[in-house]
Amino acid sequence: MESIWVVLWAAVSAHFDWRQRRIPNALSLGGAALALVWLLVHGETLLGGSWRDAGLALLLALALTVPGYVFGQLGAGDVKMLAAFALMATLADLLETLVVAGLVALLAVVVWRWLVLSGRAVDAGKRRHLPMGVFFAAGMVASQAGQAVFGR
């Protein structure tokens, strides 16, 4: 049942990232704070992971996103969103999320390039970053939907 709250949080975060190209701290840091409180009170993550799972997921999320932030390829909101999700999830959830997010982002880039090359869209020449929060959210939703349908 808690996965519904995680999916809703991811959807709201994605909405902000898509529309405003930023994820408010109230969502990212608020999500992380609530995840930590849940972990302290219940002894497991929102999605049923152990303390160890949450710690490993957080380390992996930071190891993969902080370099992207340092080199200007990810926004701070993307880093905080994925870190908050890591505290809500299990290591397996995070890995599934990252795989799906990567595939969806790749698909978006391929489709965009095809639209530009075929003349169906105009490339303004201005380099814009992908709203990775949207793709992270897609991964989170797909991961939870897959678990609801197929189990773990």
N, C-alpha and C. Protein backbone atom coordinates (compact mmCIF):
# COMPACT_ATOMS: atom_id res chain seq x y z
N MET A 1 0.81 -1.20 0.00
CA MET A 1 0.00 0.00 0.00
C MET A 1 0.86 1.27 0.00
N GLU A 2 2.01 1.22 0.67
CA GLU A 2 2.87 2.40 0.72
C GLU A 2 3.42 2.76 -0.65
N SER A 3 3.46 1.77 -1.55
CA SER A 3 3.99 2.06 -2.89
C SER A 3 3.13 3.10 -3.61
N ILE A 4 1.86 3.18 -3.27
CA ILE A 4 0.99 4.20 -3.89
C ILE A 4 1.50 5.59 -3.54
N TRP A 5 1.92 5.80 -2.29
CA TRP A 5 2.43 7.11 -1.88
C TRP A 5 3.74 7.43 -2.58
N VAL A 6 4.56 6.43 -2.77
CA VAL A 6 5.83 6.63 -3.47
C VAL A 6 5.56 7.01 -4.92
N VAL A 7 4.63 6.32 -5.56
CA VAL A 7 4.28 6.61 -6.95
C VAL A 7 3.68 8.01 -7.07
N LEU A 8 2.81 8.39 -6.15
CA LEU A 8 2.23 9.75 -6.19
C LEU A 8 3.31 10.81 -6.00
N TRP A 9 4.22 10.59 -5.06
CA TRP A 9 5.32 11.52 -4.84
C TRP A 9 6.17 11.63 -6.10
N ALA A 10 6.45 10.52 -6.74
CA ALA A 10 7.25 10.53 -7.97
C ALA A 10 6.52 11.29 -9.08
N ALA A 11 5.21 11.08 -9.19
CA ALA A 11 4.43 11.75 -10.23
C ALA A 11 4.40 13.26 -10.02
N VAL A 12 4.23 13.70 -8.79
CA VAL A 12 4.22 15.14 -8.51
C VAL A 12 5.61 15.73 -8.78
N SER A 13 6.64 15.03 -8.38
CA SER A 13 8.01 15.49 -8.65
C SER A 13 8.26 15.60 -10.16
N ALA A 14 7.80 14.60 -10.91
CA ALA A 14 7.97 14.61 -12.36
C ALA A 14 7.21 15.77 -12.99
N HIS A 15 6.02 16.05 -12.48
CA HIS A 15 5.23 17.16 -13.00
C HIS A 15 6.00 18.48 -12.86
N PHE A 16 6.55 18.71 -11.69
CA PHE A 16 7.32 19.94 -11.48
C PHE A 16 8.55 19.99 -12.38
N ASP A 17 9.25 18.85 -12.51
CA ASP A 17 10.45 18.84 -13.33
C ASP A 17 10.10 19.09 -14.79
N TRP A 18 9.00 18.54 -15.27
CA TRP A 18 8.60 18.72 -16.66
C TRP A 18 8.18 20.16 -16.93
N ARG A 19 7.36 20.71 -16.04
CA ARG A 19 6.80 22.05 -16.27
C ARG A 19 7.77 23.18 -15.93
N GLN A 20 8.53 23.02 -14.87
CA GLN A 20 9.37 24.12 -14.39
C GLN A 20 10.86 23.84 -14.49
N ARG A 21 11.22 22.64 -14.91
CA ARG A 21 12.62 22.23 -14.99
C ARG A 21 13.32 22.34 -13.64
N ARG A 22 12.58 22.10 -12.59
CA ARG A 22 13.16 22.05 -11.25
C ARG A 22 12.22 21.24 -10.36
N ILE A 23 12.81 20.62 -9.35
CA ILE A 23 12.04 19.86 -8.37
C ILE A 23 12.17 20.61 -7.05
N PRO A 24 11.05 21.10 -6.51
CA PRO A 24 11.14 21.88 -5.28
C PRO A 24 11.75 21.08 -4.12
N ASN A 25 12.51 21.80 -3.28
CA ASN A 25 13.10 21.15 -2.11
C ASN A 25 12.05 20.55 -1.20
N ALA A 26 10.87 21.17 -1.16
CA ALA A 26 9.79 20.62 -0.32
C ALA A 26 9.46 19.19 -0.74
N LEU A 27 9.57 18.90 -2.02
CA LEU A 27 9.30 17.53 -2.49
C LEU A 27 10.49 16.60 -2.27
N SER A 28 11.67 17.04 -2.70
CA SER A 28 12.83 16.16 -2.61
C SER A 28 13.29 15.98 -1.17
N LEU A 29 13.56 17.07 -0.49
CA LEU A 29 14.01 16.97 0.91
C LEU A 29 12.89 16.52 1.83
N GLY A 30 11.65 16.97 1.53
CA GLY A 30 10.51 16.52 2.31
C GLY A 30 10.31 15.02 2.18
N GLY A 31 10.45 14.51 0.95
CA GLY A 31 10.34 13.07 0.74
C GLY A 31 11.42 12.30 1.48
N ALA A 32 12.64 12.83 1.45
CA ALA A 32 13.74 12.18 2.16
C ALA A 32 13.50 12.18 3.67
N ALA A 33 13.02 13.31 4.19
CA ALA A 33 12.75 13.41 5.63
C ALA A 33 11.65 12.43 6.05
N LEU A 34 10.58 12.37 5.27
CA LEU A 34 9.51 11.43 5.59
C LEU A 34 9.98 9.98 5.49
N ALA A 35 10.81 9.70 4.51
CA ALA A 35 11.35 8.35 4.37
C ALA A 35 12.21 7.98 5.57
N LEU A 36 13.02 8.93 6.04
CA LEU A 36 13.86 8.68 7.23
C LEU A 36 13.01 8.46 8.48
N VAL A 37 11.97 9.27 8.64
CA VAL A 37 11.07 9.10 9.80
C VAL A 37 10.41 7.73 9.73
N TRP A 38 9.94 7.34 8.55
CA TRP A 38 9.31 6.03 8.38
C TRP A 38 10.30 4.93 8.74
N LEU A 39 11.53 5.08 8.27
CA LEU A 39 12.57 4.09 8.53
C LEU A 39 12.85 3.99 10.04
N LEU A 40 12.89 5.12 10.72
CA LEU A 40 13.12 5.12 12.17
C LEU A 40 11.96 4.48 12.93
N VAL A 41 10.74 4.81 12.54
CA VAL A 41 9.56 4.33 13.27
C VAL A 41 9.28 2.86 12.98
N HIS A 42 9.37 2.47 11.72
CA HIS A 42 8.97 1.12 11.32
C HIS A 42 10.13 0.14 11.17
N GLY A 43 11.35 0.65 11.12
CA GLY A 43 12.50 -0.24 10.99
C GLY A 43 12.71 -0.78 9.59
N GLU A 44 11.94 -0.29 8.62
CA GLU A 44 12.11 -0.69 7.23
C GLU A 44 11.69 0.48 6.35
N THR A 45 12.07 0.42 5.08
CA THR A 45 11.72 1.49 4.16
C THR A 45 10.24 1.40 3.80
N LEU A 46 9.75 2.44 3.14
CA LEU A 46 8.35 2.44 2.69
C LEU A 46 8.03 1.24 1.81
N LEU A 47 9.02 0.80 1.06
CA LEU A 47 8.79 -0.34 0.14
C LEU A 47 9.30 -1.65 0.71
N GLY A 48 9.56 -1.68 2.02
CA GLY A 48 9.88 -2.94 2.69
C GLY A 48 11.34 -3.32 2.76
N GLY A 49 12.23 -2.39 2.45
CA GLY A 49 13.65 -2.69 2.52
C GLY A 49 14.22 -2.53 3.92
N SER A 50 15.35 -3.13 4.15
CA SER A 50 16.02 -3.03 5.44
C SER A 50 16.84 -1.74 5.50
N TRP A 51 17.40 -1.47 6.69
CA TRP A 51 18.31 -0.34 6.85
C TRP A 51 19.49 -0.47 5.88
N ARG A 52 19.99 -1.68 5.78
CA ARG A 52 21.13 -1.95 4.89
C ARG A 52 20.76 -1.63 3.44
N ASP A 53 19.57 -2.08 3.04
CA ASP A 53 19.08 -1.79 1.69
C ASP A 53 19.03 -0.29 1.44
N ALA A 54 18.46 0.43 2.39
CA ALA A 54 18.33 1.89 2.24
C ALA A 54 19.71 2.54 2.15
N GLY A 55 20.64 2.10 2.98
CA GLY A 55 21.98 2.67 2.96
C GLY A 55 22.71 2.40 1.66
N LEU A 56 22.63 1.16 1.19
CA LEU A 56 23.28 0.81 -0.08
C LEU A 56 22.64 1.54 -1.25
N ALA A 57 21.31 1.63 -1.23
CA ALA A 57 20.60 2.34 -2.30
C ALA A 57 20.99 3.81 -2.30
N LEU A 58 21.08 4.41 -1.12
CA LEU A 58 21.47 5.82 -1.03
C LEU A 58 22.89 6.03 -1.54
N LEU A 59 23.81 5.17 -1.13
CA LEU A 59 25.19 5.28 -1.61
C LEU A 59 25.27 5.15 -3.14
N LEU A 60 24.53 4.20 -3.68
CA LEU A 60 24.53 4.02 -5.14
C LEU A 60 23.91 5.22 -5.84
N ALA A 61 22.80 5.72 -5.32
CA ALA A 61 22.14 6.88 -5.93
C ALA A 61 23.09 8.08 -5.95
N LEU A 62 23.77 8.31 -4.84
CA LEU A 62 24.69 9.45 -4.78
C LEU A 62 25.92 9.22 -5.66
N ALA A 63 26.42 7.99 -5.68
CA ALA A 63 27.59 7.69 -6.50
C ALA A 63 27.30 7.89 -7.99
N LEU A 64 26.07 7.65 -8.39
CA LEU A 64 25.72 7.77 -9.80
C LEU A 64 25.25 9.17 -10.20
N THR A 65 24.75 9.94 -9.25
CA THR A 65 24.20 11.25 -9.62
C THR A 65 25.08 12.44 -9.27
N VAL A 66 25.84 12.35 -8.19
CA VAL A 66 26.69 13.50 -7.82
C VAL A 66 27.69 13.85 -8.92
N PRO A 67 28.36 12.88 -9.55
CA PRO A 67 29.25 13.26 -10.65
C PRO A 67 28.51 13.97 -11.79
N GLY A 68 27.30 13.53 -12.09
CA GLY A 68 26.50 14.20 -13.11
C GLY A 68 26.18 15.63 -12.74
N TYR A 69 25.94 15.86 -11.47
CA TYR A 69 25.69 17.22 -10.98
C TYR A 69 26.97 18.06 -11.07
N VAL A 70 28.08 17.50 -10.61
CA VAL A 70 29.35 18.22 -10.62
C VAL A 70 29.73 18.64 -12.04
N PHE A 71 29.47 17.78 -13.03
CA PHE A 71 29.83 18.08 -14.41
C PHE A 71 28.71 18.79 -15.18
N GLY A 72 27.67 19.21 -14.46
CA GLY A 72 26.61 20.00 -15.08
C GLY A 72 25.62 19.25 -15.93
N GLN A 73 25.54 17.95 -15.76
CA GLN A 73 24.62 17.15 -16.57
C GLN A 73 23.31 16.81 -15.85
N LEU A 74 23.29 16.97 -14.55
CA LEU A 74 22.09 16.74 -13.74
C LEU A 74 21.87 17.95 -12.85
N GLY A 75 20.61 18.20 -12.54
CA GLY A 75 20.30 19.26 -11.59
C GLY A 75 20.35 18.74 -10.17
N ALA A 76 20.46 19.66 -9.23
CA ALA A 76 20.48 19.28 -7.82
C ALA A 76 19.19 18.57 -7.43
N GLY A 77 18.07 18.99 -8.02
CA GLY A 77 16.79 18.35 -7.72
C GLY A 77 16.76 16.90 -8.14
N ASP A 78 17.41 16.59 -9.26
CA ASP A 78 17.48 15.19 -9.71
C ASP A 78 18.25 14.34 -8.72
N VAL A 79 19.36 14.89 -8.22
CA VAL A 79 20.18 14.17 -7.24
C VAL A 79 19.38 13.93 -5.96
N LYS A 80 18.73 14.99 -5.48
CA LYS A 80 17.96 14.87 -4.23
C LYS A 80 16.75 13.95 -4.40
N MET A 81 16.12 14.00 -5.58
CA MET A 81 14.96 13.13 -5.82
C MET A 81 15.37 11.66 -5.77
N LEU A 82 16.45 11.33 -6.45
CA LEU A 82 16.88 9.93 -6.47
C LEU A 82 17.37 9.49 -5.10
N ALA A 83 18.02 10.38 -4.37
CA ALA A 83 18.47 10.05 -3.01
C ALA A 83 17.26 9.80 -2.10
N ALA A 84 16.24 10.63 -2.23
CA ALA A 84 15.02 10.44 -1.42
C ALA A 84 14.37 9.11 -1.77
N PHE A 85 14.30 8.80 -3.07
CA PHE A 85 13.72 7.52 -3.46
C PHE A 85 14.52 6.36 -2.90
N ALA A 86 15.83 6.49 -2.89
CA ALA A 86 16.68 5.42 -2.34
C ALA A 86 16.32 5.14 -0.88
N LEU A 87 15.98 6.19 -0.13
CA LEU A 87 15.60 6.00 1.27
C LEU A 87 14.21 5.40 1.42
N MET A 88 13.41 5.47 0.36
CA MET A 88 12.06 4.90 0.40
C MET A 88 12.03 3.45 -0.07
N ALA A 89 13.08 3.02 -0.74
CA ALA A 89 13.01 1.80 -1.53
C ALA A 89 13.99 0.73 -1.06
N THR A 90 14.17 -0.23 -1.92
CA THR A 90 15.19 -1.26 -1.73
C THR A 90 16.25 -1.04 -2.81
N LEU A 91 17.35 -1.70 -2.66
CA LEU A 91 18.40 -1.60 -3.68
C LEU A 91 17.88 -2.10 -5.03
N ALA A 92 17.11 -3.18 -5.01
CA ALA A 92 16.54 -3.71 -6.25
C ALA A 92 15.60 -2.70 -6.90
N ASP A 93 14.78 -2.01 -6.09
CA ASP A 93 13.89 -0.98 -6.63
C ASP A 93 14.69 0.12 -7.31
N LEU A 94 15.77 0.54 -6.68
CA LEU A 94 16.59 1.60 -7.26
C LEU A 94 17.23 1.13 -8.56
N LEU A 95 17.74 -0.07 -8.59
CA LEU A 95 18.36 -0.59 -9.82
C LEU A 95 17.33 -0.68 -10.95
N GLU A 96 16.14 -1.19 -10.65
CA GLU A 96 15.08 -1.25 -11.66
C GLU A 96 14.73 0.15 -12.16
N THR A 97 14.64 1.09 -11.25
CA THR A 97 14.32 2.47 -11.60
C THR A 97 15.37 3.05 -12.53
N LEU A 98 16.63 2.83 -12.21
CA LEU A 98 17.71 3.38 -13.03
C LEU A 98 17.74 2.76 -14.43
N VAL A 99 17.48 1.48 -14.52
CA VAL A 99 17.47 0.82 -15.84
C VAL A 99 16.33 1.39 -16.69
N VAL A 100 15.13 1.45 -16.13
CA VAL A 100 14.00 1.97 -16.89
C VAL A 100 14.20 3.44 -17.23
N ALA A 101 14.68 4.23 -16.27
CA ALA A 101 14.91 5.66 -16.53
C ALA A 101 15.91 5.85 -17.66
N GLY A 102 16.97 5.07 -17.66
CA GLY A 102 17.96 5.17 -18.72
C GLY A 102 17.39 4.81 -20.07
N LEU A 103 16.61 3.75 -20.12
CA LEU A 103 16.01 3.32 -21.39
C LEU A 103 15.00 4.35 -21.91
N VAL A 104 14.18 4.88 -21.03
CA VAL A 104 13.18 5.87 -21.44
C VAL A 104 13.87 7.16 -21.89
N ALA A 105 14.91 7.58 -21.19
CA ALA A 105 15.66 8.78 -21.59
C ALA A 105 16.31 8.57 -22.96
N LEU A 106 16.88 7.40 -23.17
CA LEU A 106 17.49 7.10 -24.46
C LEU A 106 16.44 7.13 -25.57
N LEU A 107 15.30 6.56 -25.31
CA LEU A 107 14.21 6.57 -26.29
C LEU A 107 13.78 8.01 -26.60
N ALA A 108 13.69 8.84 -25.57
CA ALA A 108 13.30 10.24 -25.77
C ALA A 108 14.30 10.97 -26.65
N VAL A 109 15.58 10.73 -26.43
CA VAL A 109 16.61 11.38 -27.24
C VAL A 109 16.54 10.90 -28.69
N VAL A 110 16.36 9.61 -28.89
CA VAL A 110 16.28 9.06 -30.25
C VAL A 110 15.07 9.63 -30.97
N VAL A 111 13.93 9.66 -30.31
CA VAL A 111 12.71 10.20 -30.94
C VAL A 111 12.89 11.68 -31.25
N TRP A 112 13.46 12.45 -30.33
CA TRP A 112 13.67 13.88 -30.56
C TRP A 112 14.60 14.09 -31.76
N ARG A 113 15.69 13.36 -31.81
CA ARG A 113 16.61 13.50 -32.95
C ARG A 113 15.93 13.12 -34.27
N TRP A 114 15.12 12.08 -34.24
CA TRP A 114 14.40 11.68 -35.45
C TRP A 114 13.43 12.78 -35.88
N LEU A 115 12.71 13.38 -34.92
CA LEU A 115 11.80 14.47 -35.26
C LEU A 115 12.54 15.66 -35.86
N VAL A 116 13.67 16.00 -35.31
CA VAL A 116 14.46 17.12 -35.83
C VAL A 116 14.99 16.80 -37.22
N LEU A 117 15.57 15.62 -37.39
CA LEU A 117 16.15 15.25 -38.68
C LEU A 117 15.10 15.09 -39.78
N SER A 118 13.90 14.69 -39.40
CA SER A 118 12.84 14.52 -40.40
C SER A 118 12.07 15.81 -40.65
N GLY A 119 12.44 16.89 -39.97
CA GLY A 119 11.79 18.17 -40.18
C GLY A 119 10.47 18.35 -39.46
N ARG A 120 10.12 17.43 -38.61
CA ARG A 120 8.86 17.53 -37.86
C ARG A 120 8.99 18.39 -36.61
N ALA A 121 10.21 18.69 -36.22
CA ALA A 121 10.46 19.55 -35.06
C ALA A 121 11.66 20.43 -35.38
N VAL A 122 11.71 21.57 -34.77
CA VAL A 122 12.80 22.50 -35.00
C VAL A 122 13.72 22.48 -33.79
N ASP A 123 14.99 22.25 -34.06
CA ASP A 123 15.99 22.30 -32.99
C ASP A 123 16.46 23.74 -32.88
N ALA A 124 16.14 24.37 -31.77
CA ALA A 124 16.47 25.78 -31.59
C ALA A 124 17.97 26.00 -31.45
N GLY A 125 18.74 24.94 -31.41
CA GLY A 125 20.19 25.07 -31.28
C GLY A 125 20.63 25.31 -29.86
N LYS A 126 19.70 25.55 -29.00
CA LYS A 126 20.01 25.80 -27.59
C LYS A 126 20.04 24.46 -26.87
N ARG A 127 21.13 24.18 -26.24
CA ARG A 127 21.26 22.90 -25.54
C ARG A 127 20.46 22.93 -24.25
N ARG A 128 19.48 22.05 -24.17
CA ARG A 128 18.67 21.95 -22.96
C ARG A 128 18.87 20.57 -22.36
N HIS A 129 18.92 20.54 -21.06
CA HIS A 129 19.07 19.26 -20.39
C HIS A 129 17.74 18.54 -20.34
N LEU A 130 17.83 17.23 -20.36
CA LEU A 130 16.63 16.43 -20.20
C LEU A 130 16.12 16.59 -18.77
N PRO A 131 14.81 16.61 -18.59
CA PRO A 131 14.26 16.65 -17.23
C PRO A 131 14.36 15.24 -16.62
N MET A 132 15.51 14.91 -16.09
CA MET A 132 15.77 13.54 -15.63
C MET A 132 14.81 13.11 -14.52
N GLY A 133 14.28 14.05 -13.76
CA GLY A 133 13.29 13.69 -12.74
C GLY A 133 12.09 12.98 -13.35
N VAL A 134 11.72 13.38 -14.56
CA VAL A 134 10.61 12.73 -15.26
C VAL A 134 10.97 11.28 -15.56
N PHE A 135 12.20 11.06 -16.01
CA PHE A 135 12.62 9.70 -16.35
C PHE A 135 12.82 8.86 -15.09
N PHE A 136 13.35 9.47 -14.03
CA PHE A 136 13.46 8.74 -12.76
C PHE A 136 12.07 8.33 -12.27
N ALA A 137 11.11 9.25 -12.38
CA ALA A 137 9.74 8.94 -11.95
C ALA A 137 9.15 7.82 -12.80
N ALA A 138 9.42 7.85 -14.10
CA ALA A 138 8.93 6.78 -14.98
C ALA A 138 9.50 5.43 -14.53
N GLY A 139 10.76 5.43 -14.17
CA GLY A 139 11.38 4.20 -13.67
C GLY A 139 10.76 3.73 -12.37
N MET A 140 10.50 4.68 -11.47
CA MET A 140 9.88 4.32 -10.19
C MET A 140 8.49 3.73 -10.40
N VAL A 141 7.70 4.39 -11.24
CA VAL A 141 6.34 3.92 -11.50
C VAL A 141 6.38 2.55 -12.18
N ALA A 142 7.24 2.38 -13.16
CA ALA A 142 7.34 1.09 -13.85
C ALA A 142 7.78 -0.01 -12.90
N SER A 143 8.72 0.29 -12.04
CA SER A 143 9.20 -0.69 -11.06
C SER A 143 8.07 -1.14 -10.14
N GLN A 144 7.33 -0.17 -9.62
CA GLN A 144 6.24 -0.51 -8.70
C GLN A 144 5.09 -1.20 -9.41
N ALA A 145 4.79 -0.77 -10.63
CA ALA A 145 3.72 -1.43 -11.41
C ALA A 145 4.11 -2.87 -11.72
N GLY A 146 5.36 -3.07 -12.10
CA GLY A 146 5.83 -4.43 -12.38
C GLY A 146 5.73 -5.33 -11.17
N GLN A 147 6.06 -4.78 -10.01
CA GLN A 147 5.98 -5.58 -8.79
C GLN A 147 4.54 -5.87 -8.42
N ALA A 148 3.64 -4.92 -8.68
CA ALA A 148 2.22 -5.14 -8.38
C ALA A 148 1.64 -6.23 -9.28
N VAL A 149 2.07 -6.25 -10.52
CA VAL A 149 1.54 -7.22 -11.47
C VAL A 149 2.22 -8.59 -11.34
N PHE A 150 3.55 -8.56 -11.28
CA PHE A 150 4.30 -9.82 -11.32
C PHE A 150 4.87 -10.26 -9.98
N GLY A 151 4.83 -9.40 -8.98
CA GLY A 151 5.44 -9.72 -7.70
C GLY A 151 6.95 -9.58 -7.78
N ARG A 152 7.63 -9.82 -6.71
CA ARG A 152 9.09 -9.72 -6.73
C ARG A 152 9.67 -11.11 -6.74
